[in-house]
Amino acid sequence: MAAIITNKFRINNAKQFYESFSETAAETYYLFIGRAHAWASDADVQGNTITEGTDASPPTPNDDISSEFYNWDDMLGAKIISSSDVSYAIPRR
């Protein structure tokens, strides 16, 4: 199904996300770093190379329990993001 994502829609999403940090029942957001070991590559039964990813191109995370477990397992540190840590930004082109 096709969708038209306008600039007004993007701006509204940015405002809603920004406001979610200052609401009385605010969500708690964390920023974490991790992956202390190198990305691996392996070969399957037929000899094809299977790559987990690289530092420049990490794999896309899946929305499942096992991916969430591996994210928690690989975490080295985390920081709670507060409303003073958030600002609007415009991409440089």
PDB file of N, CA and C in Angstrom:
ATOM      1  N   MET A   1       0.839  -1.170   0.000  1.00  0.00           N
ATOM      2  CA  MET A   1       0.000   0.000   0.000  1.00  0.00           C
ATOM      3  C   MET A   1       0.889   1.240   0.000  1.00  0.00           C
ATOM      4  N   ALA A   2       0.621   2.152  -0.888  1.00  0.00           N
ATOM      5  CA  ALA A   2       1.412   3.370  -1.014  1.00  0.00           C
ATOM      6  C   ALA A   2       0.990   4.389   0.040  1.00  0.00           C
ATOM      7  N   ALA A   3       1.934   5.224   0.428  1.00  0.00           N
ATOM      8  CA  ALA A   3       1.654   6.273   1.408  1.00  0.00           C
ATOM      9  C   ALA A   3       2.361   7.544   0.982  1.00  0.00           C
ATOM     10  N   ILE A   4       1.743   8.665   1.274  1.00  0.00           N
ATOM     11  CA  ILE A   4       2.361   9.959   1.000  1.00  0.00           C
ATOM     12  C   ILE A   4       2.790  10.544   2.338  1.00  0.00           C
ATOM     13  N   ILE A   5       4.091  10.658   2.530  1.00  0.00           N
ATOM     14  CA  ILE A   5       4.638  11.220   3.765  1.00  0.00           C
ATOM     15  C   ILE A   5       5.059  12.651   3.456  1.00  0.00           C
ATOM     16  N   THR A   6       4.287  13.605   3.952  1.00  0.00           N
ATOM     17  CA  THR A   6       4.568  15.014   3.675  1.00  0.00           C
ATOM     18  C   THR A   6       5.491  15.596   4.737  1.00  0.00           C
ATOM     19  N   ASN A   7       6.017  16.783   4.446  1.00  0.00           N
ATOM     20  CA  ASN A   7       6.859  17.467   5.433  1.00  0.00           C
ATOM     21  C   ASN A   7       6.061  17.818   6.681  1.00  0.00           C
ATOM     22  N   LYS A   8       4.774  18.159   6.520  1.00  0.00           N
ATOM     23  CA  LYS A   8       3.931  18.456   7.685  1.00  0.00           C
ATOM     24  C   LYS A   8       3.829  17.230   8.597  1.00  0.00           C
ATOM     25  N   PHE A   9       3.709  16.064   7.994  1.00  0.00           N
ATOM     26  CA  PHE A   9       3.638  14.821   8.767  1.00  0.00           C
ATOM     27  C   PHE A   9       4.941  14.590   9.522  1.00  0.00           C
ATOM     28  N   ARG A  10       6.076  14.807   8.868  1.00  0.00           N
ATOM     29  CA  ARG A  10       7.378  14.637   9.518  1.00  0.00           C
ATOM     30  C   ARG A  10       7.554  15.627  10.669  1.00  0.00           C
ATOM     31  N   ILE A  11       7.155  16.866  10.441  1.00  0.00           N
ATOM     32  CA  ILE A  11       7.273  17.893  11.485  1.00  0.00           C
ATOM     33  C   ILE A  11       6.380  17.543  12.668  1.00  0.00           C
ATOM     34  N   ASN A  12       5.165  17.077  12.398  1.00  0.00           N
ATOM     35  CA  ASN A  12       4.257  16.683  13.472  1.00  0.00           C
ATOM     36  C   ASN A  12       4.843  15.526  14.284  1.00  0.00           C
ATOM     37  N   ASN A  13       5.431  14.542  13.613  1.00  0.00           N
ATOM     38  CA  ASN A  13       6.058  13.423  14.328  1.00  0.00           C
ATOM     39  C   ASN A  13       7.214  13.898  15.193  1.00  0.00           C
ATOM     40  N   ALA A  14       8.020  14.821  14.681  1.00  0.00           N
ATOM     41  CA  ALA A  14       9.143  15.352  15.460  1.00  0.00           C
ATOM     42  C   ALA A  14       8.631  16.098  16.691  1.00  0.00           C
ATOM     43  N   LYS A  15       7.576  16.892  16.536  1.00  0.00           N
ATOM     44  CA  LYS A  15       7.005  17.622  17.675  1.00  0.00           C
ATOM     45  C   LYS A  15       6.450  16.662  18.725  1.00  0.00           C
ATOM     46  N   GLN A  16       5.739  15.631  18.279  1.00  0.00           N
ATOM     47  CA  GLN A  16       5.176  14.657  19.212  1.00  0.00           C
ATOM     48  C   GLN A  16       6.274  13.920  19.975  1.00  0.00           C
ATOM     49  N   PHE A  17       7.339  13.553  19.269  1.00  0.00           N
ATOM     50  CA  PHE A  17       8.460  12.867  19.917  1.00  0.00           C
ATOM     51  C   PHE A  17       9.126  13.786  20.932  1.00  0.00           C
ATOM     52  N   TYR A  18       9.352  15.044  20.565  1.00  0.00           N
ATOM     53  CA  TYR A  18       9.975  16.020  21.456  1.00  0.00           C
ATOM     54  C   TYR A  18       9.115  16.233  22.702  1.00  0.00           C
ATOM     55  N   GLU A  19       7.807  16.372  22.507  1.00  0.00           N
ATOM     56  CA  GLU A  19       6.900  16.607  23.628  1.00  0.00           C
ATOM     57  C   GLU A  19       6.788  15.389  24.549  1.00  0.00           C
ATOM     58  N   SER A  20       7.057  14.199  24.038  1.00  0.00           N
ATOM     59  CA  SER A  20       6.938  12.998  24.873  1.00  0.00           C
ATOM     60  C   SER A  20       7.954  12.988  26.011  1.00  0.00           C
ATOM     61  N   PHE A  21       9.007  13.797  25.915  1.00  0.00           N
ATOM     62  CA  PHE A  21      10.009  13.867  26.980  1.00  0.00           C
ATOM     63  C   PHE A  21       9.568  14.764  28.136  1.00  0.00           C
ATOM     64  N   SER A  22       8.633  15.677  27.884  1.00  0.00           N
ATOM     65  CA  SER A  22       8.252  16.627  28.930  1.00  0.00           C
ATOM     66  C   SER A  22       6.843  16.390  29.473  1.00  0.00           C
ATOM     67  N   GLU A  23       6.161  15.351  29.051  1.00  0.00           N
ATOM     68  CA  GLU A  23       4.830  15.057  29.571  1.00  0.00           C
ATOM     69  C   GLU A  23       4.930  14.552  31.006  1.00  0.00           C
ATOM     70  N   THR A  24       3.847  14.701  31.766  1.00  0.00           N
ATOM     71  CA  THR A  24       3.873  14.282  33.170  1.00  0.00           C
ATOM     72  C   THR A  24       4.056  12.772  33.298  1.00  0.00           C
ATOM     73  N   ALA A  25       3.429  12.005  32.429  1.00  0.00           N
ATOM     74  CA  ALA A  25       3.615  10.550  32.433  1.00  0.00           C
ATOM     75  C   ALA A  25       4.558  10.186  31.286  1.00  0.00           C
ATOM     76  N   ALA A  26       5.728  10.788  31.310  1.00  0.00           N
ATOM     77  CA  ALA A  26       6.664  10.638  30.190  1.00  0.00           C
ATOM     78  C   ALA A  26       7.204   9.220  30.093  1.00  0.00           C
ATOM     79  N   GLU A  27       7.429   8.806  28.871  1.00  0.00           N
ATOM     80  CA  GLU A  27       8.111   7.542  28.625  1.00  0.00           C
ATOM     81  C   GLU A  27       9.575   7.706  29.026  1.00  0.00           C
ATOM     82  N   THR A  28      10.229   6.623  29.337  1.00  0.00           N
ATOM     83  CA  THR A  28      11.655   6.658  29.639  1.00  0.00           C
ATOM     84  C   THR A  28      12.405   6.124  28.431  1.00  0.00           C
ATOM     85  N   TYR A  29      13.311   6.950  27.903  1.00  0.00           N
ATOM     86  CA  TYR A  29      14.114   6.561  26.747  1.00  0.00           C
ATOM     87  C   TYR A  29      15.562   6.383  27.183  1.00  0.00           C
ATOM     88  N   TYR A  30      16.211   5.406  26.604  1.00  0.00           N
ATOM     89  CA  TYR A  30      17.619   5.139  26.891  1.00  0.00           C
ATOM     90  C   TYR A  30      18.401   5.130  25.585  1.00  0.00           C
ATOM     91  N   LEU A  31      19.635   5.583  25.653  1.00  0.00           N
ATOM     92  CA  LEU A  31      20.577   5.452  24.552  1.00  0.00           C
ATOM     93  C   LEU A  31      21.686   4.555  25.059  1.00  0.00           C
ATOM     94  N   PHE A  32      21.982   3.492  24.326  1.00  0.00           N
ATOM     95  CA  PHE A  32      23.011   2.578  24.805  1.00  0.00           C
ATOM     96  C   PHE A  32      24.061   2.335  23.736  1.00  0.00           C
ATOM     97  N   ILE A  33      25.232   1.934  24.201  1.00  0.00           N
ATOM     98  CA  ILE A  33      26.309   1.533  23.302  1.00  0.00           C
ATOM     99  C   ILE A  33      26.667   0.094  23.630  1.00  0.00           C
ATOM    100  N   GLY A  34      27.212  -0.586  22.662  1.00  0.00           N
ATOM    101  CA  GLY A  34      27.546  -1.977  22.907  1.00  0.00           C
ATOM    102  C   GLY A  34      28.372  -2.564  21.792  1.00  0.00           C
ATOM    103  N   ARG A  35      28.337  -3.859  21.716  1.00  0.00           N
ATOM    104  CA  ARG A  35      29.065  -4.652  20.720  1.00  0.00           C
ATOM    105  C   ARG A  35      30.564  -4.521  20.918  1.00  0.00           C
ATOM    106  N   ALA A  36      31.060  -5.158  21.969  1.00  0.00           N
ATOM    107  CA  ALA A  36      32.486  -5.104  22.301  1.00  0.00           C
ATOM    108  C   ALA A  36      33.312  -6.090  21.495  1.00  0.00           C
ATOM    109  N   HIS A  37      32.672  -6.981  20.775  1.00  0.00           N
ATOM    110  CA  HIS A  37      33.417  -7.964  19.986  1.00  0.00           C
ATOM    111  C   HIS A  37      33.152  -7.756  18.493  1.00  0.00           C
ATOM    112  N   ALA A  38      34.023  -8.301  17.668  1.00  0.00           N
ATOM    113  CA  ALA A  38      33.941  -8.097  16.215  1.00  0.00           C
ATOM    114  C   ALA A  38      32.743  -8.840  15.621  1.00  0.00           C
ATOM    115  N   TRP A  39      32.254  -8.320  14.494  1.00  0.00           N
ATOM    116  CA  TRP A  39      31.201  -8.997  13.757  1.00  0.00           C
ATOM    117  C   TRP A  39      31.789 -10.257  13.133  1.00  0.00           C
ATOM    118  N   ALA A  40      31.027 -11.307  13.124  1.00  0.00           N
ATOM    119  CA  ALA A  40      31.525 -12.591  12.614  1.00  0.00           C
ATOM    120  C   ALA A  40      30.974 -12.881  11.225  1.00  0.00           C
ATOM    121  N   SER A  41      31.696 -13.694  10.504  1.00  0.00           N
ATOM    122  CA  SER A  41      31.181 -14.249   9.254  1.00  0.00           C
ATOM    123  C   SER A  41      31.418 -15.751   9.308  1.00  0.00           C
ATOM    124  N   ASP A  42      30.538 -16.476   8.678  1.00  0.00           N
ATOM    125  CA  ASP A  42      30.593 -17.932   8.749  1.00  0.00           C
ATOM    126  C   ASP A  42      30.147 -18.487   7.401  1.00  0.00           C
ATOM    127  N   ALA A  43      30.294 -19.755   7.214  1.00  0.00           N
ATOM    128  CA  ALA A  43      29.841 -20.415   5.991  1.00  0.00           C
ATOM    129  C   ALA A  43      28.745 -21.404   6.342  1.00  0.00           C
ATOM    130  N   ASP A  44      27.704 -21.447   5.487  1.00  0.00           N
ATOM    131  CA  ASP A  44      26.647 -22.423   5.719  1.00  0.00           C
ATOM    132  C   ASP A  44      27.038 -23.774   5.123  1.00  0.00           C
ATOM    133  N   VAL A  45      26.115 -24.711   5.124  1.00  0.00           N
ATOM    134  CA  VAL A  45      26.384 -26.076   4.674  1.00  0.00           C
ATOM    135  C   VAL A  45      26.831 -26.118   3.211  1.00  0.00           C
ATOM    136  N   GLN A  46      26.290 -25.213   2.390  1.00  0.00           N
ATOM    137  CA  GLN A  46      26.624 -25.206   0.967  1.00  0.00           C
ATOM    138  C   GLN A  46      27.849 -24.361   0.652  1.00  0.00           C
ATOM    139  N   GLY A  47      28.484 -23.789   1.659  1.00  0.00           N
ATOM    140  CA  GLY A  47      29.691 -22.999   1.445  1.00  0.00           C
ATOM    141  C   GLY A  47      29.450 -21.526   1.211  1.00  0.00           C
ATOM    142  N   ASN A  48      28.193 -21.061   1.306  1.00  0.00           N
ATOM    143  CA  ASN A  48      27.893 -19.637   1.143  1.00  0.00           C
ATOM    144  C   ASN A  48      28.312 -18.881   2.394  1.00  0.00           C
ATOM    145  N   THR A  49      28.864 -17.687   2.204  1.00  0.00           N
ATOM    146  CA  THR A  49      29.296 -16.875   3.336  1.00  0.00           C
ATOM    147  C   THR A  49      28.097 -16.186   3.967  1.00  0.00           C
ATOM    148  N   ILE A  50      27.978 -16.314   5.271  1.00  0.00           N
ATOM    149  CA  ILE A  50      26.925 -15.647   6.034  1.00  0.00           C
ATOM    150  C   ILE A  50      27.612 -14.617   6.916  1.00  0.00           C
ATOM    151  N   THR A  51      27.267 -13.349   6.730  1.00  0.00           N
ATOM    152  CA  THR A  51      27.893 -12.274   7.483  1.00  0.00           C
ATOM    153  C   THR A  51      26.885 -11.681   8.451  1.00  0.00           C
ATOM    154  N   GLU A  52      27.280 -11.524   9.714  1.00  0.00           N
ATOM    155  CA  GLU A  52      26.421 -10.875  10.708  1.00  0.00           C
ATOM    156  C   GLU A  52      26.271  -9.398  10.403  1.00  0.00           C
ATOM    157  N   GLY A  53      27.296  -8.793   9.901  1.00  0.00           N
ATOM    158  CA  GLY A  53      27.312  -7.370   9.636  1.00  0.00           C
ATOM    159  C   GLY A  53      28.727  -6.849   9.801  1.00  0.00           C
ATOM    160  N   THR A  54      28.875  -5.545   9.663  1.00  0.00           N
ATOM    161  CA  THR A  54      30.164  -4.894   9.868  1.00  0.00           C
ATOM    162  C   THR A  54      29.943  -3.659  10.724  1.00  0.00           C
ATOM    163  N   ASP A  55      31.028  -3.016  11.141  1.00  0.00           N
ATOM    164  CA  ASP A  55      30.894  -1.774  11.899  1.00  0.00           C
ATOM    165  C   ASP A  55      30.208  -0.696  11.065  1.00  0.00           C
ATOM    166  N   ALA A  56      30.488  -0.671   9.763  1.00  0.00           N
ATOM    167  CA  ALA A  56      29.901   0.331   8.880  1.00  0.00           C
ATOM    168  C   ALA A  56      28.473  -0.021   8.477  1.00  0.00           C
ATOM    169  N   SER A  57      28.129  -1.293   8.530  1.00  0.00           N
ATOM    170  CA  SER A  57      26.810  -1.742   8.099  1.00  0.00           C
ATOM    171  C   SER A  57      26.298  -2.850   9.024  1.00  0.00           C
ATOM    172  N   PRO A  58      25.838  -2.475  10.232  1.00  0.00           N
ATOM    173  CA  PRO A  58      25.337  -3.496  11.158  1.00  0.00           C
ATOM    174  C   PRO A  58      24.023  -4.086  10.648  1.00  0.00           C
ATOM    175  N   PRO A  59      23.663  -5.263  11.100  1.00  0.00           N
ATOM    176  CA  PRO A  59      22.420  -5.882  10.633  1.00  0.00           C
ATOM    177  C   PRO A  59      21.195  -5.127  11.152  1.00  0.00           C
ATOM    178  N   THR A  60      20.116  -5.203  10.407  1.00  0.00           N
ATOM    179  CA  THR A  60      18.866  -4.580  10.817  1.00  0.00           C
ATOM    180  C   THR A  60      18.278  -5.376  11.975  1.00  0.00           C
ATOM    181  N   PRO A  61      17.928  -4.701  13.080  1.00  0.00           N
ATOM    182  CA  PRO A  61      17.381  -5.445  14.218  1.00  0.00           C
ATOM    183  C   PRO A  61      15.974  -5.965  13.920  1.00  0.00           C
ATOM    184  N   ASN A  62      15.660  -7.105  14.452  1.00  0.00           N
ATOM    185  CA  ASN A  62      14.324  -7.686  14.327  1.00  0.00           C
ATOM    186  C   ASN A  62      13.517  -7.338  15.566  1.00  0.00           C
ATOM    187  N   ASP A  63      12.204  -7.294  15.412  1.00  0.00           N
ATOM    188  CA  ASP A  63      11.317  -7.004  16.531  1.00  0.00           C
ATOM    189  C   ASP A  63      10.850  -8.324  17.141  1.00  0.00           C
ATOM    190  N   ASP A  64      11.759  -8.991  17.849  1.00  0.00           N
ATOM    191  CA  ASP A  64      11.413 -10.242  18.502  1.00  0.00           C
ATOM    192  C   ASP A  64      12.197 -10.374  19.806  1.00  0.00           C
ATOM    193  N   ILE A  65      11.841 -11.353  20.594  1.00  0.00           N
ATOM    194  CA  ILE A  65      12.427 -11.528  21.921  1.00  0.00           C
ATOM    195  C   ILE A  65      13.915 -11.843  21.849  1.00  0.00           C
ATOM    196  N   SER A  66      14.328 -12.682  20.900  1.00  0.00           N
ATOM    197  CA  SER A  66      15.746 -13.055  20.834  1.00  0.00           C
ATOM    198  C   SER A  66      16.622 -11.856  20.486  1.00  0.00           C
ATOM    199  N   SER A  67      16.169 -10.982  19.583  1.00  0.00           N
ATOM    200  CA  SER A  67      16.947  -9.781  19.259  1.00  0.00           C
ATOM    201  C   SER A  67      17.046  -8.854  20.465  1.00  0.00           C
ATOM    202  N   GLU A  68      15.950  -8.723  21.206  1.00  0.00           N
ATOM    203  CA  GLU A  68      15.971  -7.891  22.409  1.00  0.00           C
ATOM    204  C   GLU A  68      16.956  -8.460  23.432  1.00  0.00           C
ATOM    205  N   PHE A  69      16.981  -9.767  23.583  1.00  0.00           N
ATOM    206  CA  PHE A  69      17.923 -10.407  24.498  1.00  0.00           C
ATOM    207  C   PHE A  69      19.360 -10.100  24.088  1.00  0.00           C
ATOM    208  N   TYR A  70      19.679 -10.249  22.794  1.00  0.00           N
ATOM    209  CA  TYR A  70      21.046 -10.003  22.333  1.00  0.00           C
ATOM    210  C   TYR A  70      21.438  -8.541  22.508  1.00  0.00           C
ATOM    211  N   ASN A  71      20.481  -7.615  22.324  1.00  0.00           N
ATOM    212  CA  ASN A  71      20.781  -6.199  22.564  1.00  0.00           C
ATOM    213  C   ASN A  71      21.150  -5.961  24.018  1.00  0.00           C
ATOM    214  N   TRP A  72      20.366  -6.515  24.938  1.00  0.00           N
ATOM    215  CA  TRP A  72      20.675  -6.365  26.361  1.00  0.00           C
ATOM    216  C   TRP A  72      21.996  -7.039  26.706  1.00  0.00           C
ATOM    217  N   ASP A  73      22.256  -8.179  26.092  1.00  0.00           N
ATOM    218  CA  ASP A  73      23.474  -8.933  26.377  1.00  0.00           C
ATOM    219  C   ASP A  73      24.728  -8.206  25.878  1.00  0.00           C
ATOM    220  N   ASP A  74      24.622  -7.460  24.787  1.00  0.00           N
ATOM    221  CA  ASP A  74      25.764  -6.755  24.196  1.00  0.00           C
ATOM    222  C   ASP A  74      25.977  -5.350  24.759  1.00  0.00           C
ATOM    223  N   MET A  75      25.070  -4.855  25.608  1.00  0.00           N
ATOM    224  CA  MET A  75      25.189  -3.490  26.125  1.00  0.00           C
ATOM    225  C   MET A  75      26.424  -3.308  26.991  1.00  0.00           C
ATOM    226  N   LEU A  76      27.121  -2.193  26.764  1.00  0.00           N
ATOM    227  CA  LEU A  76      28.252  -1.821  27.613  1.00  0.00           C
ATOM    228  C   LEU A  76      27.876  -0.689  28.558  1.00  0.00           C
ATOM    229  N   GLY A  77      27.021   0.197  28.106  1.00  0.00           N
ATOM    230  CA  GLY A  77      26.604   1.320  28.927  1.00  0.00           C
ATOM    231  C   GLY A  77      25.338   1.930  28.366  1.00  0.00           C
ATOM    232  N   ALA A  78      24.581   2.608  29.221  1.00  0.00           N
ATOM    233  CA  ALA A  78      23.337   3.241  28.795  1.00  0.00           C
ATOM    234  C   ALA A  78      23.165   4.556  29.536  1.00  0.00           C
ATOM    235  N   LYS A  79      22.395   5.459  28.929  1.00  0.00           N
ATOM    236  CA  LYS A  79      22.112   6.755  29.533  1.00  0.00           C
ATOM    237  C   LYS A  79      20.630   7.043  29.360  1.00  0.00           C
ATOM    238  N   ILE A  80      19.996   7.511  30.423  1.00  0.00           N
ATOM    239  CA  ILE A  80      18.609   7.946  30.315  1.00  0.00           C
ATOM    240  C   ILE A  80      18.603   9.280  29.577  1.00  0.00           C
ATOM    241  N   ILE A  81      17.741   9.399  28.581  1.00  0.00           N
ATOM    242  CA  ILE A  81      17.624  10.633  27.813  1.00  0.00           C
ATOM    243  C   ILE A  81      16.529  11.475  28.454  1.00  0.00           C
ATOM    244  N   SER A  82      16.875  12.685  28.880  1.00  0.00           N
ATOM    245  CA  SER A  82      15.900  13.585  29.499  1.00  0.00           C
ATOM    246  C   SER A  82      15.521  14.687  28.510  1.00  0.00           C
ATOM    247  N   SER A  83      14.555  15.516  28.891  1.00  0.00           N
ATOM    248  CA  SER A  83      14.096  16.579  27.992  1.00  0.00           C
ATOM    249  C   SER A  83      15.195  17.590  27.684  1.00  0.00           C
ATOM    250  N   SER A  84      16.163  17.767  28.585  1.00  0.00           N
ATOM    251  CA  SER A  84      17.259  18.708  28.323  1.00  0.00           C
ATOM    252  C   SER A  84      18.269  18.154  27.313  1.00  0.00           C
ATOM    253  N   ASP A  85      18.207  16.861  27.029  1.00  0.00           N
ATOM    254  CA  ASP A  85      19.117  16.235  26.063  1.00  0.00           C
ATOM    255  C   ASP A  85      18.566  16.238  24.639  1.00  0.00           C
ATOM    256  N   VAL A  86      17.329  16.692  24.450  1.00  0.00           N
ATOM    257  CA  VAL A  86      16.652  16.583  23.161  1.00  0.00           C
ATOM    258  C   VAL A  86      16.519  17.955  22.520  1.00  0.00           C
ATOM    259  N   SER A  87      16.744  18.023  21.214  1.00  0.00           N
ATOM    260  CA  SER A  87      16.532  19.264  20.465  1.00  0.00           C
ATOM    261  C   SER A  87      16.148  18.922  19.034  1.00  0.00           C
ATOM    262  N   TYR A  88      15.547  19.888  18.355  1.00  0.00           N
ATOM    263  CA  TYR A  88      15.222  19.713  16.946  1.00  0.00           C
ATOM    264  C   TYR A  88      16.503  19.856  16.138  1.00  0.00           C
ATOM    265  N   ALA A  89      16.594  19.153  15.038  1.00  0.00           N
ATOM    266  CA  ALA A  89      17.772  19.242  14.176  1.00  0.00           C
ATOM    267  C   ALA A  89      17.340  19.165  12.719  1.00  0.00           C
ATOM    268  N   ILE A  90      18.133  19.783  11.873  1.00  0.00           N
ATOM    269  CA  ILE A  90      17.891  19.754  10.432  1.00  0.00           C
ATOM    270  C   ILE A  90      19.078  19.063   9.786  1.00  0.00           C
ATOM    271  N   PRO A  91      18.830  18.078   8.915  1.00  0.00           N
ATOM    272  CA  PRO A  91      19.965  17.399   8.284  1.00  0.00           C
ATOM    273  C   PRO A  91      20.736  18.330   7.359  1.00  0.00           C
ATOM    274  N   ARG A  92      22.041  18.181   7.353  1.00  0.00           N
ATOM    275  CA  ARG A  92      22.900  18.963   6.481  1.00  0.00           C
ATOM    276  C   ARG A  92      22.919  18.334   5.099  1.00  0.00           C
ATOM    277  N   ARG A  93      22.764  19.140   4.078  1.00  0.00           N
ATOM    278  CA  ARG A  93      22.790  18.600   2.703  1.00  0.00           C
ATOM    279  C   ARG A  93      23.665  19.427   1.822  1.00  0.00           C
TER     280      ARG A  93
END
